[in-house]
Protein backbone atom coordinates (compact mmCIF):
# COMPACT_ATOMS: atom_id res chain seq x y z
CA MET A 1 -15.53 28.39 8.37
CA ALA A 2 -14.51 24.73 8.36
CA ARG A 3 -11.10 23.99 6.84
CA GLN A 4 -11.21 22.27 3.45
CA LEU A 5 -9.73 18.80 3.64
CA THR A 6 -6.48 18.23 1.72
CA ARG A 7 -5.35 15.16 -0.15
CA THR A 8 -3.22 14.30 2.87
CA ASP A 9 -6.21 14.64 5.16
CA HIS A 10 -8.11 12.19 3.01
CA MET A 11 -5.27 9.71 2.83
CA ILE A 12 -5.01 9.79 6.69
CA ARG A 13 -8.78 9.15 6.92
CA GLN A 14 -8.38 6.24 4.52
CA PHE A 15 -5.54 4.74 6.53
CA ASP A 16 -7.59 5.08 9.73
CA THR A 17 -10.46 3.22 8.07
CA VAL A 18 -8.13 0.41 6.97
CA LEU A 19 -6.92 0.00 10.54
CA ARG A 20 -10.45 0.07 11.96
CA THR A 21 -11.55 -2.50 9.46
CA LEU A 22 -8.86 -5.12 9.79
CA MET A 23 -7.24 -4.64 13.23
CA PRO A 24 -8.70 -6.65 16.14
CA GLY A 25 -11.00 -4.34 18.05
CA GLY A 26 -10.48 -1.58 15.48
CA ALA A 27 -14.05 -1.16 14.40
CA GLN A 28 -16.00 0.56 17.15
CA ALA A 29 -19.71 1.12 16.62
CA THR A 30 -21.00 4.67 17.01
CA ARG A 31 -24.59 3.32 17.59
CA PRO A 32 -25.79 0.60 19.88
CA SER A 33 -26.26 -2.86 18.25
CA PRO A 34 -29.86 -3.61 17.29
CA SER A 35 -29.42 -6.82 19.33
CA THR A 36 -28.98 -4.90 22.61
CA LEU A 37 -32.55 -5.33 23.83
CA VAL A 38 -33.08 -8.75 22.32
CA THR A 39 -32.64 -12.11 24.11
CA ASP A 40 -31.89 -15.39 22.37
CA ASP A 41 -33.92 -18.49 22.85
CA VAL A 42 -32.12 -21.73 23.59
CA MET A 43 -30.01 -22.93 20.56
CA SER A 44 -28.41 -26.25 19.94
CA GLU A 45 -24.73 -26.46 19.25
CA GLN A 46 -25.46 -27.09 15.56
CA GLU A 47 -27.61 -24.00 15.36
CA ARG A 48 -24.96 -21.89 17.11
CA GLN A 49 -22.31 -22.99 14.63
CA HIS A 50 -24.59 -22.33 11.76
CA SER A 51 -25.37 -18.84 13.02
CA ALA A 52 -21.74 -18.14 13.47
CA GLY A 53 -20.96 -19.22 9.88
CA LEU A 54 -23.63 -16.89 8.53
CA MET A 55 -22.55 -13.99 10.70
CA ARG A 56 -18.93 -14.52 9.62
CA VAL A 57 -20.08 -14.24 5.97
CA ASN A 58 -21.88 -10.94 6.91
CA HIS A 59 -18.81 -9.61 8.61
CA THR A 60 -16.58 -10.44 5.67
CA GLU A 61 -18.95 -8.82 3.22
CA GLU A 62 -18.78 -5.63 5.31
CA VAL A 63 -14.94 -5.84 5.12
CA CYS A 64 -15.26 -6.09 1.30
CA VAL A 65 -17.62 -3.05 1.16
CA GLN A 66 -15.26 -0.94 3.28
CA ALA A 67 -12.37 -1.90 0.88
CA LEU A 68 -14.54 -1.06 -2.13
CA TYR A 69 -15.35 2.41 -0.82
CA GLN A 70 -11.62 2.97 0.02
CA GLY A 71 -10.33 1.87 -3.32
CA GLN A 72 -12.88 4.03 -5.17
CA SER A 73 -12.10 7.15 -3.18
CA LEU A 74 -8.38 6.74 -3.89
CA THR A 75 -8.72 6.75 -7.64
CA ALA A 76 -12.03 8.53 -8.32
CA GLY A 77 -11.11 11.52 -6.32
CA TYR A 78 -13.39 13.26 -3.74
CA THR A 79 -16.35 14.13 -5.94
CA GLU A 80 -19.63 15.47 -4.63
CA GLY A 81 -21.22 12.12 -5.35
CA HIS A 82 -18.67 10.12 -3.27
CA GLU A 83 -18.81 12.66 -0.45
CA GLN A 84 -22.55 12.02 -0.23
CA LEU A 85 -21.65 8.41 0.72
CA ASN A 86 -19.65 9.31 3.83
CA THR A 87 -22.66 8.44 6.00
CA ALA A 88 -22.85 5.10 4.31
CA VAL A 89 -19.15 4.46 5.17
CA ASN A 90 -19.79 5.18 8.81
CA GLU A 91 -22.86 2.96 8.93
CA GLU A 92 -20.87 0.11 7.34
CA LEU A 93 -18.31 0.46 10.12
CA ASP A 94 -21.23 -0.01 12.53
CA HIS A 95 -22.27 -3.06 10.62
CA LEU A 96 -18.77 -4.37 10.87
CA ALA A 97 -18.60 -3.87 14.63
CA TRP A 98 -22.11 -5.35 15.18
CA CYS A 99 -21.28 -8.51 13.21
CA LYS A 100 -17.91 -8.94 14.99
CA ALA A 101 -19.53 -8.49 18.40
CA ARG A 102 -22.16 -11.09 17.53
CA LEU A 103 -19.44 -13.55 16.39
CA HIS A 104 -17.83 -13.04 19.80
CA GLU A 105 -21.10 -13.77 21.52
CA LEU A 106 -21.43 -16.95 19.51
CA ASP A 107 -17.85 -17.96 20.58
CA SER A 108 -16.57 -17.80 17.01
CA HIS A 109 -14.20 -15.85 14.88
CA THR A 110 -14.01 -13.63 11.81
CA SER A 111 -12.82 -15.07 8.50
CA ARG A 112 -9.03 -15.82 8.52
CA LEU A 113 -9.09 -14.62 4.82
CA ASP A 114 -10.38 -11.16 5.54
CA PRO A 115 -7.08 -9.41 4.66
CA LEU A 116 -7.11 -11.19 1.29
CA PHE A 117 -10.70 -10.25 0.69
CA TYR A 118 -9.95 -6.59 1.67
CA VAL A 119 -6.96 -6.28 -0.69
CA THR A 120 -8.94 -7.84 -3.57
CA SER A 121 -11.94 -5.63 -3.06
CA PHE A 122 -9.80 -2.61 -2.66
CA GLY A 123 -8.30 -3.33 -6.11
CA VAL A 124 -11.72 -3.71 -7.63
CA GLY A 125 -12.79 -0.44 -6.12
CA ALA A 126 -9.69 1.31 -7.39
CA ILE A 127 -10.37 0.08 -10.95
CA ALA A 128 -14.00 1.14 -10.73
CA GLY A 129 -12.96 4.57 -9.60
CA ARG A 130 -10.67 5.02 -12.57
CA LEU A 131 -13.65 4.33 -14.90
CA GLY A 132 -15.51 7.40 -13.83
CA ASN A 133 -18.01 8.61 -11.27
CA SER A 134 -21.06 6.97 -12.85
CA VAL A 135 -19.40 3.55 -13.02
CA SER A 136 -17.85 3.86 -9.61
CA LEU A 137 -21.15 4.73 -7.94
CA GLY A 138 -22.97 2.17 -10.11
CA PHE A 139 -20.68 -0.49 -8.71
CA VAL A 140 -21.55 0.64 -5.15
CA ASN A 141 -25.27 0.32 -6.08
CA ALA A 142 -24.78 -3.15 -7.53
CA ALA A 143 -22.66 -4.36 -4.64
CA GLU A 144 -25.00 -3.01 -1.97
CA GLU A 145 -28.00 -4.49 -3.64
CA ARG A 146 -26.27 -7.89 -3.81
CA VAL A 147 -25.36 -7.64 -0.11
CA GLY A 148 -29.04 -6.86 0.72
CA LYS A 149 -30.24 -9.90 -1.22
CA ARG A 150 -27.79 -12.16 0.55
CA LEU A 151 -28.84 -10.80 3.92
CA GLU A 152 -32.42 -11.48 3.07
CA ASP A 153 -31.46 -15.05 2.30
CA HIS A 154 -29.75 -15.24 5.61
CA MET A 155 -32.95 -14.16 7.40
CA THR A 156 -34.53 -17.31 6.09
CA ARG A 157 -31.60 -19.51 7.18
CA LEU A 158 -30.78 -18.12 10.64
CA PRO A 159 -32.32 -20.23 13.39
CA MET A 160 -35.43 -18.68 14.76
CA ALA A 161 -33.93 -19.01 18.26
CA ASP A 162 -31.08 -16.74 17.29
CA ARG A 163 -33.03 -13.53 17.81
CA ARG A 164 -29.94 -11.40 18.41
CA SER A 165 -28.38 -12.22 15.00
CA ARG A 166 -31.73 -11.72 13.31
CA ALA A 167 -32.08 -8.25 14.80
CA VAL A 168 -28.63 -7.25 13.50
CA VAL A 169 -29.25 -8.57 10.06
CA GLU A 170 -32.68 -6.96 9.83
CA LYS A 171 -31.24 -3.51 10.56
CA ILE A 172 -28.39 -3.95 8.09
CA ILE A 173 -30.81 -4.93 5.33
CA GLU A 174 -32.69 -1.69 5.93
CA GLU A 175 -29.51 0.49 5.70
CA GLU A 176 -28.00 -1.35 2.74
CA ALA A 177 -31.15 -0.56 0.74
CA HIS A 178 -30.60 3.13 1.44
CA HIS A 179 -26.93 2.93 0.45
CA ALA A 180 -27.83 1.32 -2.89
CA HIS A 181 -30.47 3.94 -3.56
CA ASN A 182 -28.19 6.82 -2.59
CA ALA A 183 -25.48 5.62 -4.88
CA LEU A 184 -27.86 5.92 -7.82
CA GLU A 185 -29.12 9.28 -6.62
CA ALA A 186 -25.51 10.50 -6.44
CA GLY A 187 -24.98 9.80 -10.15
CA GLY A 188 -24.35 6.03 -10.36
CA LYS A 189 -25.12 4.10 -13.52
CA ARG A 190 -27.32 1.02 -13.07
CA PHE A 191 -25.31 -2.00 -14.20
CA SER A 192 -26.49 -4.49 -16.84
CA LEU A 193 -27.82 -7.94 -15.98
CA PRO A 194 -24.64 -9.73 -17.02
CA ALA A 195 -22.52 -7.45 -14.77
CA ARG A 196 -24.89 -8.05 -11.87
CA LEU A 197 -24.70 -11.78 -12.43
CA GLY A 198 -20.94 -11.52 -12.30
CA ILE A 199 -21.10 -9.78 -8.93
CA ARG A 200 -23.52 -12.37 -7.69
CA ALA A 201 -21.10 -15.20 -8.67
CA VAL A 202 -18.21 -13.57 -6.82
CA ASP A 203 -20.42 -12.94 -3.79
CA ALA A 204 -21.47 -16.59 -3.74
CA LEU A 205 -17.86 -17.72 -3.82
CA VAL A 206 -16.81 -15.35 -1.02
CA SER A 207 -19.81 -16.54 1.08
CA ARG A 208 -18.91 -20.23 0.71
CA VAL A 209 -15.34 -19.67 1.73
CA ALA A 210 -16.05 -17.25 4.60
CA TYR A 211 -18.69 -19.54 6.09
CA ARG A 212 -16.06 -22.20 6.60
CA LEU A 213 -12.89 -20.19 7.16
């Protein structure tokens, strides 16, 4: 029989996730990147820089989602609903690693403000967790849906020649939709329109900053 995880075990797992999210080379994908079998067409320097900016935004958003999950698990406890999202956490780490690898291929860097974004998102997640399971999981649903919509927008903005980035983004869109759905299935409350507009506004601000920095 498998040993039941203690509070200490969960805290160690959280700390490990923090390190893998923020430390250089910390996030290691457990699955091959969707871009593995894809070859780029020729891109201009302007197209390369634009792709790098968009992929930097995507990487930062994955940092924020990781922090959100971690903050919630700290204050909401280890409910059955949150345990159902463990697969999502692992897939988000893959997304993080894929985006970072693509940035390296584009000769660019992750956002210099990622630690600040992480701390802020962790705090938001911790507050959401204190408000109860339905609100906590509802926030996951709203955040994941917003990430999905932003990625769909990026698919229209990425250069057609950047086939490797497009392959990564396309796969992440698919999995973010599952994460959003699973959060509701696990007991999440669907947020009101004003709350979703607020999340959209914050997402837009983070995207503008991460694109440049």
